[in-house]
PDB file of all heavy atoms in Angstrom:
ATOM      1  N   GLY A   1     -75.336  25.116 -62.200  1.00  0.00           N
ATOM      2  CA  GLY A   1     -75.573  24.059 -61.218  1.00  0.00           C
ATOM      3  C   GLY A   1     -75.418  24.535 -59.789  1.00  0.00           C
ATOM      4  O   GLY A   1     -76.215  24.183 -58.915  1.00  0.00           O
ATOM      5  N   LEU A   2     -74.400  25.345 -59.533  1.00  0.00           N
ATOM      6  CA  LEU A   2     -74.188  25.862 -58.179  1.00  0.00           C
ATOM      7  C   LEU A   2     -75.316  26.776 -57.727  1.00  0.00           C
ATOM      8  O   LEU A   2     -75.784  26.688 -56.591  1.00  0.00           O
ATOM      9  CB  LEU A   2     -72.841  26.594 -58.081  1.00  0.00           C
ATOM     10  CG  LEU A   2     -71.613  25.705 -58.009  1.00  0.00           C
ATOM     11  CD1 LEU A   2     -70.328  26.531 -58.109  1.00  0.00           C
ATOM     12  CD2 LEU A   2     -71.616  24.884 -56.718  1.00  0.00           C
ATOM     13  N   TRP A   3     -75.741  27.668 -58.603  1.00  0.00           N
ATOM     14  CA  TRP A   3     -76.851  28.557 -58.250  1.00  0.00           C
ATOM     15  C   TRP A   3     -78.106  27.748 -57.916  1.00  0.00           C
ATOM     16  O   TRP A   3     -78.706  27.919 -56.858  1.00  0.00           O
ATOM     17  CB  TRP A   3     -77.160  29.537 -59.395  1.00  0.00           C
ATOM     18  CG  TRP A   3     -76.350  30.785 -59.339  1.00  0.00           C
ATOM     19  CD1 TRP A   3     -75.244  31.067 -60.093  1.00  0.00           C
ATOM     20  CD2 TRP A   3     -76.557  31.923 -58.502  1.00  0.00           C
ATOM     21  NE1 TRP A   3     -74.763  32.304 -59.771  1.00  0.00           N
ATOM     22  CE2 TRP A   3     -75.551  32.856 -58.802  1.00  0.00           C
ATOM     23  CE3 TRP A   3     -77.501  32.246 -57.537  1.00  0.00           C
ATOM     24  CZ2 TRP A   3     -75.462  34.099 -58.174  1.00  0.00           C
ATOM     25  CZ3 TRP A   3     -77.422  33.478 -56.898  1.00  0.00           C
ATOM     26  CH2 TRP A   3     -76.413  34.384 -57.207  1.00  0.00           C
ATOM     27  N   PHE A   4     -78.503  26.876 -58.834  1.00  0.00           N
ATOM     28  CA  PHE A   4     -79.746  26.130 -58.637  1.00  0.00           C
ATOM     29  C   PHE A   4     -79.633  25.118 -57.505  1.00  0.00           C
ATOM     30  O   PHE A   4     -80.548  24.968 -56.700  1.00  0.00           O
ATOM     31  CB  PHE A   4     -80.187  25.456 -59.935  1.00  0.00           C
ATOM     32  CG  PHE A   4     -80.616  26.434 -61.003  1.00  0.00           C
ATOM     33  CD1 PHE A   4     -80.498  26.106 -62.339  1.00  0.00           C
ATOM     34  CD2 PHE A   4     -81.132  27.669 -60.688  1.00  0.00           C
ATOM     35  CE1 PHE A   4     -80.908  26.985 -63.340  1.00  0.00           C
ATOM     36  CE2 PHE A   4     -81.535  28.573 -61.668  1.00  0.00           C
ATOM     37  CZ  PHE A   4     -81.416  28.227 -63.001  1.00  0.00           C
ATOM     38  N   GLY A   5     -78.514  24.410 -57.431  1.00  0.00           N
ATOM     39  CA  GLY A   5     -78.325  23.419 -56.375  1.00  0.00           C
ATOM     40  C   GLY A   5     -78.317  24.045 -54.990  1.00  0.00           C
ATOM     41  O   GLY A   5     -78.913  23.516 -54.051  1.00  0.00           O
ATOM     42  N   THR A   6     -77.640  25.174 -54.863  1.00  0.00           N
ATOM     43  CA  THR A   6     -77.572  25.859 -53.567  1.00  0.00           C
ATOM     44  C   THR A   6     -78.961  26.320 -53.113  1.00  0.00           C
ATOM     45  O   THR A   6     -79.352  26.098 -51.962  1.00  0.00           O
ATOM     46  CB  THR A   6     -76.614  27.063 -53.642  1.00  0.00           C
ATOM     47  OG1 THR A   6     -75.309  26.586 -53.992  1.00  0.00           O
ATOM     48  CG2 THR A   6     -76.557  27.815 -52.326  1.00  0.00           C
ATOM     49  N   PHE A   7     -79.701  26.946 -54.007  1.00  0.00           N
ATOM     50  CA  PHE A   7     -81.021  27.438 -53.613  1.00  0.00           C
ATOM     51  C   PHE A   7     -82.005  26.297 -53.372  1.00  0.00           C
ATOM     52  O   PHE A   7     -82.838  26.382 -52.472  1.00  0.00           O
ATOM     53  CB  PHE A   7     -81.556  28.443 -54.636  1.00  0.00           C
ATOM     54  CG  PHE A   7     -81.088  29.838 -54.352  1.00  0.00           C
ATOM     55  CD1 PHE A   7     -79.810  30.237 -54.713  1.00  0.00           C
ATOM     56  CD2 PHE A   7     -81.897  30.744 -53.696  1.00  0.00           C
ATOM     57  CE1 PHE A   7     -79.351  31.505 -54.430  1.00  0.00           C
ATOM     58  CE2 PHE A   7     -81.457  32.023 -53.405  1.00  0.00           C
ATOM     59  CZ  PHE A   7     -80.169  32.415 -53.774  1.00  0.00           C
ATOM     60  N   GLN A   8     -81.923  25.231 -54.163  1.00  0.00           N
ATOM     61  CA  GLN A   8     -82.808  24.085 -53.944  1.00  0.00           C
ATOM     62  C   GLN A   8     -82.502  23.428 -52.602  1.00  0.00           C
ATOM     63  O   GLN A   8     -83.383  22.833 -51.995  1.00  0.00           O
ATOM     64  CB  GLN A   8     -82.678  23.049 -55.065  1.00  0.00           C
ATOM     65  CG  GLN A   8     -83.321  23.459 -56.356  1.00  0.00           C
ATOM     66  CD  GLN A   8     -84.833  23.342 -56.361  1.00  0.00           C
ATOM     67  OE1 GLN A   8     -85.486  23.182 -55.343  1.00  0.00           O
ATOM     68  NE2 GLN A   8     -85.407  23.432 -57.540  1.00  0.00           N
ATOM     69  N   ALA A   9     -81.265  23.504 -52.134  1.00  0.00           N
ATOM     70  CA  ALA A   9     -80.909  22.947 -50.828  1.00  0.00           C
ATOM     71  C   ALA A   9     -81.270  23.905 -49.696  1.00  0.00           C
ATOM     72  O   ALA A   9     -81.689  23.476 -48.620  1.00  0.00           O
ATOM     73  CB  ALA A   9     -79.413  22.623 -50.780  1.00  0.00           C
ATOM     74  N   LEU A  10     -81.133  25.201 -49.931  1.00  0.00           N
ATOM     75  CA  LEU A  10     -81.398  26.203 -48.899  1.00  0.00           C
ATOM     76  C   LEU A  10     -82.890  26.367 -48.605  1.00  0.00           C
ATOM     77  O   LEU A  10     -83.291  26.491 -47.440  1.00  0.00           O
ATOM     78  CB  LEU A  10     -80.790  27.544 -49.336  1.00  0.00           C
ATOM     79  CG  LEU A  10     -80.974  28.728 -48.398  1.00  0.00           C
ATOM     80  CD1 LEU A  10     -80.245  28.468 -47.085  1.00  0.00           C
ATOM     81  CD2 LEU A  10     -80.441  30.000 -49.052  1.00  0.00           C
ATOM     82  N   MET A  11     -83.706  26.362 -49.625  1.00  0.00           N
ATOM     83  CA  MET A  11     -85.135  26.638 -49.445  1.00  0.00           C
ATOM     84  C   MET A  11     -85.858  25.619 -48.561  1.00  0.00           C
ATOM     85  O   MET A  11     -86.686  26.011 -47.742  1.00  0.00           O
ATOM     86  CB  MET A  11     -85.831  26.774 -50.797  1.00  0.00           C
ATOM     87  CG  MET A  11     -85.409  28.021 -51.542  1.00  0.00           C
ATOM     88  SD  MET A  11     -85.773  29.533 -50.658  1.00  0.00           S
ATOM     89  CE  MET A  11     -86.521  30.468 -51.942  1.00  0.00           C
ATOM     90  N   PRO A  12     -85.583  24.310 -48.667  1.00  0.00           N
ATOM     91  CA  PRO A  12     -86.253  23.389 -47.745  1.00  0.00           C
ATOM     92  C   PRO A  12     -85.886  23.639 -46.277  1.00  0.00           C
ATOM     93  O   PRO A  12     -86.703  23.433 -45.389  1.00  0.00           O
ATOM     94  CB  PRO A  12     -85.772  22.001 -48.185  1.00  0.00           C
ATOM     95  CG  PRO A  12     -85.338  22.170 -49.583  1.00  0.00           C
ATOM     96  CD  PRO A  12     -84.831  23.585 -49.684  1.00  0.00           C
ATOM     97  N   VAL A  13     -84.668  24.112 -46.051  1.00  0.00           N
ATOM     98  CA  VAL A  13     -84.262  24.432 -44.681  1.00  0.00           C
ATOM     99  C   VAL A  13     -85.098  25.592 -44.151  1.00  0.00           C
ATOM    100  O   VAL A  13     -85.620  25.546 -43.028  1.00  0.00           O
ATOM    101  CB  VAL A  13     -82.747  24.765 -44.609  1.00  0.00           C
ATOM    102  CG1 VAL A  13     -82.355  25.253 -43.229  1.00  0.00           C
ATOM    103  CG2 VAL A  13     -81.914  23.565 -45.019  1.00  0.00           C
ATOM    104  N   ILE A  14     -85.249  26.621 -44.967  1.00  0.00           N
ATOM    105  CA  ILE A  14     -86.081  27.765 -44.564  1.00  0.00           C
ATOM    106  C   ILE A  14     -87.516  27.302 -44.347  1.00  0.00           C
ATOM    107  O   ILE A  14     -88.150  27.650 -43.344  1.00  0.00           O
ATOM    108  CB  ILE A  14     -86.013  28.891 -45.632  1.00  0.00           C
ATOM    109  CG1 ILE A  14     -84.588  29.459 -45.697  1.00  0.00           C
ATOM    110  CG2 ILE A  14     -87.030  29.983 -45.339  1.00  0.00           C
ATOM    111  CD1 ILE A  14     -84.336  30.366 -46.882  1.00  0.00           C
ATOM    112  N   GLY A  15     -88.042  26.515 -45.278  1.00  0.00           N
ATOM    113  CA  GLY A  15     -89.408  25.994 -45.150  1.00  0.00           C
ATOM    114  C   GLY A  15     -89.582  25.131 -43.917  1.00  0.00           C
ATOM    115  O   GLY A  15     -90.604  25.205 -43.228  1.00  0.00           O
ATOM    116  N   TYR A  16     -88.571  24.330 -43.618  1.00  0.00           N
ATOM    117  CA  TYR A  16     -88.615  23.467 -42.434  1.00  0.00           C
ATOM    118  C   TYR A  16     -88.772  24.303 -41.166  1.00  0.00           C
ATOM    119  O   TYR A  16     -89.626  24.014 -40.315  1.00  0.00           O
ATOM    120  CB  TYR A  16     -87.348  22.621 -42.369  1.00  0.00           C
ATOM    121  CG  TYR A  16     -87.226  21.798 -41.108  1.00  0.00           C
ATOM    122  CD1 TYR A  16     -87.917  20.603 -40.989  1.00  0.00           C
ATOM    123  CD2 TYR A  16     -86.440  22.223 -40.051  1.00  0.00           C
ATOM    124  CE1 TYR A  16     -87.816  19.839 -39.839  1.00  0.00           C
ATOM    125  CE2 TYR A  16     -86.331  21.470 -38.900  1.00  0.00           C
ATOM    126  CZ  TYR A  16     -87.029  20.276 -38.793  1.00  0.00           C
ATOM    127  OH  TYR A  16     -86.936  19.530 -37.661  1.00  0.00           O
ATOM    128  N   PHE A  17     -87.957  25.337 -41.023  1.00  0.00           N
ATOM    129  CA  PHE A  17     -88.032  26.165 -39.821  1.00  0.00           C
ATOM    130  C   PHE A  17     -89.351  26.937 -39.745  1.00  0.00           C
ATOM    131  O   PHE A  17     -89.889  27.140 -38.654  1.00  0.00           O
ATOM    132  CB  PHE A  17     -86.826  27.087 -39.704  1.00  0.00           C
ATOM    133  CG  PHE A  17     -85.591  26.340 -39.289  1.00  0.00           C
ATOM    134  CD1 PHE A  17     -84.522  26.209 -40.155  1.00  0.00           C
ATOM    135  CD2 PHE A  17     -85.512  25.737 -38.041  1.00  0.00           C
ATOM    136  CE1 PHE A  17     -83.388  25.496 -39.780  1.00  0.00           C
ATOM    137  CE2 PHE A  17     -84.380  25.021 -37.655  1.00  0.00           C
ATOM    138  CZ  PHE A  17     -83.317  24.911 -38.529  1.00  0.00           C
ATOM    139  N   LEU A  18     -89.894  27.323 -40.884  1.00  0.00           N
ATOM    140  CA  LEU A  18     -91.229  27.937 -40.885  1.00  0.00           C
ATOM    141  C   LEU A  18     -92.275  26.915 -40.435  1.00  0.00           C
ATOM    142  O   LEU A  18     -93.151  27.225 -39.629  1.00  0.00           O
ATOM    143  CB  LEU A  18     -91.588  28.462 -42.280  1.00  0.00           C
ATOM    144  CG  LEU A  18     -90.820  29.676 -42.782  1.00  0.00           C
ATOM    145  CD1 LEU A  18     -91.153  29.939 -44.245  1.00  0.00           C
ATOM    146  CD2 LEU A  18     -91.132  30.892 -41.929  1.00  0.00           C
ATOM    147  N   GLY A  19     -92.174  25.701 -40.956  1.00  0.00           N
ATOM    148  CA  GLY A  19     -93.126  24.647 -40.608  1.00  0.00           C
ATOM    149  C   GLY A  19     -93.047  24.226 -39.159  1.00  0.00           C
ATOM    150  O   GLY A  19     -94.070  23.988 -38.510  1.00  0.00           O
ATOM    151  N   VAL A  20     -91.833  24.137 -38.626  1.00  0.00           N
ATOM    152  CA  VAL A  20     -91.646  23.731 -37.229  1.00  0.00           C
ATOM    153  C   VAL A  20     -92.326  24.717 -36.287  1.00  0.00           C
ATOM    154  O   VAL A  20     -92.856  24.333 -35.245  1.00  0.00           O
ATOM    155  CB  VAL A  20     -90.135  23.597 -36.900  1.00  0.00           C
ATOM    156  CG1 VAL A  20     -89.878  23.555 -35.409  1.00  0.00           C
ATOM    157  CG2 VAL A  20     -89.569  22.356 -37.565  1.00  0.00           C
ATOM    158  N   SER A  21     -92.347  25.978 -36.684  1.00  0.00           N
ATOM    159  CA  SER A  21     -92.926  26.996 -35.812  1.00  0.00           C
ATOM    160  C   SER A  21     -94.423  26.797 -35.582  1.00  0.00           C
ATOM    161  O   SER A  21     -94.966  27.274 -34.594  1.00  0.00           O
ATOM    162  CB  SER A  21     -92.645  28.398 -36.359  1.00  0.00           C
ATOM    163  OG  SER A  21     -93.325  28.600 -37.571  1.00  0.00           O
ATOM    164  N   PHE A  22     -95.104  26.095 -36.485  1.00  0.00           N
ATOM    165  CA  PHE A  22     -96.532  25.846 -36.269  1.00  0.00           C
ATOM    166  C   PHE A  22     -96.938  24.378 -36.433  1.00  0.00           C
ATOM    167  O   PHE A  22     -98.114  24.042 -36.473  1.00  0.00           O
ATOM    168  CB  PHE A  22     -97.402  26.732 -37.169  1.00  0.00           C
ATOM    169  CG  PHE A  22     -97.135  26.596 -38.639  1.00  0.00           C
ATOM    170  CD1 PHE A  22     -97.736  25.610 -39.391  1.00  0.00           C
ATOM    171  CD2 PHE A  22     -96.282  27.480 -39.282  1.00  0.00           C
ATOM    172  CE1 PHE A  22     -97.497  25.486 -40.738  1.00  0.00           C
ATOM    173  CE2 PHE A  22     -96.031  27.373 -40.641  1.00  0.00           C
ATOM    174  CZ  PHE A  22     -96.645  26.373 -41.369  1.00  0.00           C
ATOM    175  N   ALA A  23     -95.968  23.471 -36.469  1.00  0.00           N
ATOM    176  CA  ALA A  23     -96.255  22.041 -36.679  1.00  0.00           C
ATOM    177  C   ALA A  23     -97.109  21.443 -35.571  1.00  0.00           C
ATOM    178  O   ALA A  23     -98.011  20.638 -35.846  1.00  0.00           O
ATOM    179  CB  ALA A  23     -94.951  21.260 -36.815  1.00  0.00           C
ATOM    180  N   ASP A  24     -96.857  21.804 -34.321  1.00  0.00           N
ATOM    181  CA  ASP A  24     -97.615  21.225 -33.205  1.00  0.00           C
ATOM    182  C   ASP A  24     -99.101  21.566 -33.280  1.00  0.00           C
ATOM    183  O   ASP A  24     -99.947  20.767 -32.876  1.00  0.00           O
ATOM    184  CB  ASP A  24     -97.056  21.710 -31.866  1.00  0.00           C
ATOM    185  CG  ASP A  24     -95.692  21.112 -31.578  1.00  0.00           C
ATOM    186  OD1 ASP A  24     -95.365  20.067 -32.188  1.00  0.00           O
ATOM    187  OD2 ASP A  24     -94.961  21.682 -30.763  1.00  0.00           O
ATOM    188  N   ARG A  25     -99.414  22.739 -33.791  1.00  0.00           N
ATOM    189  CA  ARG A  25    -100.812  23.175 -33.853  1.00  0.00           C
ATOM    190  C   ARG A  25    -101.620  22.474 -34.936  1.00  0.00           C
ATOM    191  O   ARG A  25    -102.837  22.461 -34.875  1.00  0.00           O
ATOM    192  CB  ARG A  25    -100.880  24.686 -34.055  1.00  0.00           C
ATOM    193  CG  ARG A  25    -100.455  25.440 -32.802  1.00  0.00           C
ATOM    194  CD  ARG A  25    -100.375  26.888 -33.085  1.00  0.00           C
ATOM    195  NE  ARG A  25     -98.956  27.107 -33.405  1.00  0.00           N
ATOM    196  CZ  ARG A  25     -98.389  28.267 -33.567  1.00  0.00           C
ATOM    197  NH1 ARG A  25     -99.092  29.345 -33.506  1.00  0.00           N
ATOM    198  NH2 ARG A  25     -97.107  28.364 -33.825  1.00  0.00           N
ATOM    199  N   ILE A  26    -100.937  21.914 -35.935  1.00  0.00           N
ATOM    200  CA  ILE A  26    -101.684  21.299 -37.041  1.00  0.00           C
ATOM    201  C   ILE A  26    -101.281  19.847 -37.285  1.00  0.00           C
ATOM    202  O   ILE A  26    -101.497  19.310 -38.373  1.00  0.00           O
ATOM    203  CB  ILE A  26    -101.531  22.127 -38.340  1.00  0.00           C
ATOM    204  CG1 ILE A  26    -100.067  22.317 -38.696  1.00  0.00           C
ATOM    205  CG2 ILE A  26    -102.226  23.468 -38.218  1.00  0.00           C
ATOM    206  CD1 ILE A  26     -99.850  23.010 -40.012  1.00  0.00           C
ATOM    207  N   LYS A  27    -100.706  19.206 -36.276  1.00  0.00           N
ATOM    208  CA  LYS A  27    -100.222  17.828 -36.403  1.00  0.00           C
ATOM    209  C   LYS A  27    -101.304  16.863 -36.900  1.00  0.00           C
ATOM    210  O   LYS A  27    -101.017  15.944 -37.648  1.00  0.00           O
ATOM    211  CB  LYS A  27     -99.668  17.359 -35.047  1.00  0.00           C
ATOM    212  CG  LYS A  27     -98.853  16.110 -35.132  1.00  0.00           C
ATOM    213  CD  LYS A  27     -97.518  16.388 -35.760  1.00  0.00           C
ATOM    214  CE  LYS A  27     -96.597  15.209 -35.653  1.00  0.00           C
ATOM    215  NZ  LYS A  27     -95.539  15.244 -36.599  1.00  0.00           N
ATOM    216  N   SER A  28    -102.553  17.084 -36.520  1.00  0.00           N
ATOM    217  CA  SER A  28    -103.623  16.151 -36.896  1.00  0.00           C
ATOM    218  C   SER A  28    -103.951  16.181 -38.392  1.00  0.00           C
ATOM    219  O   SER A  28    -104.540  15.242 -38.909  1.00  0.00           O
ATOM    220  CB  SER A  28    -104.887  16.436 -36.083  1.00  0.00           C
ATOM    221  OG  SER A  28    -105.378  17.730 -36.383  1.00  0.00           O
TER     222      SER A  28
END
């Protein structure tokens, strides 16, 4: 549970910061 829960929580954070870096360019 700790392994899977930790990674499932960590990955959206990484994805969020990747997405924020180009969100303004593709907002439409």
